[in-house]
């Protein structure tokens, strides 16, 4: 399902080099932007989670919870 700004999304744990960078949770998409460094057509979502700093994640790793 396509992710839009304002959607409530869930995501799984995100690891980098074996270290958990982002624990699984639910957040709100506040911005969508293109992947300017990659050669693909992927989009990056900026996600705001209550009580945390915003973070970026590829939209293909997100699942829309409800609209």
C-alpha atoms as a PDB file:
ATOM      1  CA  UNK A   1       0.000   0.000   0.000  1.00  0.00           C
ATOM      2  CA  UNK A   2       1.275   3.469  -0.862  1.00  0.00           C
ATOM      3  CA  UNK A   3       2.453   5.542   2.074  1.00  0.00           C
ATOM      4  CA  UNK A   4       1.340   9.187   2.238  1.00  0.00           C
ATOM      5  CA  UNK A   5       2.167  12.117   4.500  1.00  0.00           C
ATOM      6  CA  UNK A   6       0.004  11.956   7.622  1.00  0.00           C
ATOM      7  CA  UNK A   7      -0.363   8.150   7.570  1.00  0.00           C
ATOM      8  CA  UNK A   8       0.093   6.184  10.771  1.00  0.00           C
ATOM      9  CA  UNK A   9       2.634   3.448  10.002  1.00  0.00           C
ATOM     10  CA  UNK A  10       4.245   0.519  11.762  1.00  0.00           C
ATOM     11  CA  UNK A  11       7.796  -0.669  11.187  1.00  0.00           C
ATOM     12  CA  UNK A  12      10.050  -3.512  12.305  1.00  0.00           C
ATOM     13  CA  UNK A  13      13.395  -3.296  14.111  1.00  0.00           C
ATOM     14  CA  UNK A  14      16.104  -1.717  11.957  1.00  0.00           C
ATOM     15  CA  UNK A  15      19.678  -2.992  12.253  1.00  0.00           C
ATOM     16  CA  UNK A  16      22.964  -1.629  10.902  1.00  0.00           C
ATOM     17  CA  UNK A  17      26.132  -3.702  11.285  1.00  0.00           C
ATOM     18  CA  UNK A  18      24.345  -5.942  13.788  1.00  0.00           C
ATOM     19  CA  UNK A  19      23.329  -3.044  16.049  1.00  0.00           C
ATOM     20  CA  UNK A  20      19.658  -2.194  16.585  1.00  0.00           C
ATOM     21  CA  UNK A  21      19.291   1.399  15.368  1.00  0.00           C
ATOM     22  CA  UNK A  22      15.489   1.767  15.531  1.00  0.00           C
ATOM     23  CA  UNK A  23      13.254  -0.494  17.637  1.00  0.00           C
ATOM     24  CA  UNK A  24       9.948  -1.650  16.152  1.00  0.00           C
ATOM     25  CA  UNK A  25       7.023   0.677  16.709  1.00  0.00           C
ATOM     26  CA  UNK A  26       4.334   2.933  15.321  1.00  0.00           C
ATOM     27  CA  UNK A  27       4.745   6.516  14.103  1.00  0.00           C
ATOM     28  CA  UNK A  28       3.373   9.176  11.782  1.00  0.00           C
ATOM     29  CA  UNK A  29       4.831  10.110   8.384  1.00  0.00           C
ATOM     30  CA  UNK A  30       5.619  13.835   8.402  1.00  0.00           C
ATOM     31  CA  UNK A  31       7.510  14.080   5.089  1.00  0.00           C
ATOM     32  CA  UNK A  32       8.294  12.040   1.974  1.00  0.00           C
ATOM     33  CA  UNK A  33      11.421  12.648  -0.058  1.00  0.00           C
ATOM     34  CA  UNK A  34      13.283  10.931  -2.903  1.00  0.00           C
ATOM     35  CA  UNK A  35      16.382   8.800  -2.386  1.00  0.00           C
ATOM     36  CA  UNK A  36      18.896  11.286  -3.824  1.00  0.00           C
ATOM     37  CA  UNK A  37      21.909   9.024  -3.229  1.00  0.00           C
ATOM     38  CA  UNK A  38      20.501   5.774  -4.618  1.00  0.00           C
ATOM     39  CA  UNK A  39      19.994   4.771  -8.219  1.00  0.00           C
ATOM     40  CA  UNK A  40      16.509   3.420  -7.587  1.00  0.00           C
ATOM     41  CA  UNK A  41      13.125   5.111  -7.478  1.00  0.00           C
ATOM     42  CA  UNK A  42      12.664   4.455  -3.751  1.00  0.00           C
ATOM     43  CA  UNK A  43      11.136   7.044  -1.437  1.00  0.00           C
ATOM     44  CA  UNK A  44      12.260   7.904   2.063  1.00  0.00           C
ATOM     45  CA  UNK A  45       9.728   8.713   4.783  1.00  0.00           C
ATOM     46  CA  UNK A  46      10.510  10.962   7.725  1.00  0.00           C
ATOM     47  CA  UNK A  47       8.730   9.393  10.690  1.00  0.00           C
ATOM     48  CA  UNK A  48       7.843  11.093  13.954  1.00  0.00           C
ATOM     49  CA  UNK A  49       7.327   8.851  16.955  1.00  0.00           C
ATOM     50  CA  UNK A  50       5.936  10.267  20.189  1.00  0.00           C
ATOM     51  CA  UNK A  51       8.743  11.236  22.553  1.00  0.00           C
ATOM     52  CA  UNK A  52      11.556  10.593  20.022  1.00  0.00           C
ATOM     53  CA  UNK A  53      13.509  12.471  17.383  1.00  0.00           C
ATOM     54  CA  UNK A  54      12.239  12.107  13.784  1.00  0.00           C
ATOM     55  CA  UNK A  55      14.046   9.445  11.735  1.00  0.00           C
ATOM     56  CA  UNK A  56      14.173   8.372   8.085  1.00  0.00           C
ATOM     57  CA  UNK A  57      13.252   4.981   6.657  1.00  0.00           C
ATOM     58  CA  UNK A  58      12.561   3.591   3.173  1.00  0.00           C
ATOM     59  CA  UNK A  59       8.815   3.386   2.522  1.00  0.00           C
ATOM     60  CA  UNK A  60       9.034  -0.265   1.472  1.00  0.00           C
ATOM     61  CA  UNK A  61       9.795  -1.129   5.134  1.00  0.00           C
ATOM     62  CA  UNK A  62       6.588   0.508   6.369  1.00  0.00           C
ATOM     63  CA  UNK A  63       3.048  -0.762   6.755  1.00  0.00           C
ATOM     64  CA  UNK A  64       0.071   1.605   6.973  1.00  0.00           C
ATOM     65  CA  UNK A  65      -1.878   0.940  10.183  1.00  0.00           C
ATOM     66  CA  UNK A  66      -4.987   3.056   9.502  1.00  0.00           C
ATOM     67  CA  UNK A  67      -5.814   6.150   7.481  1.00  0.00           C
END
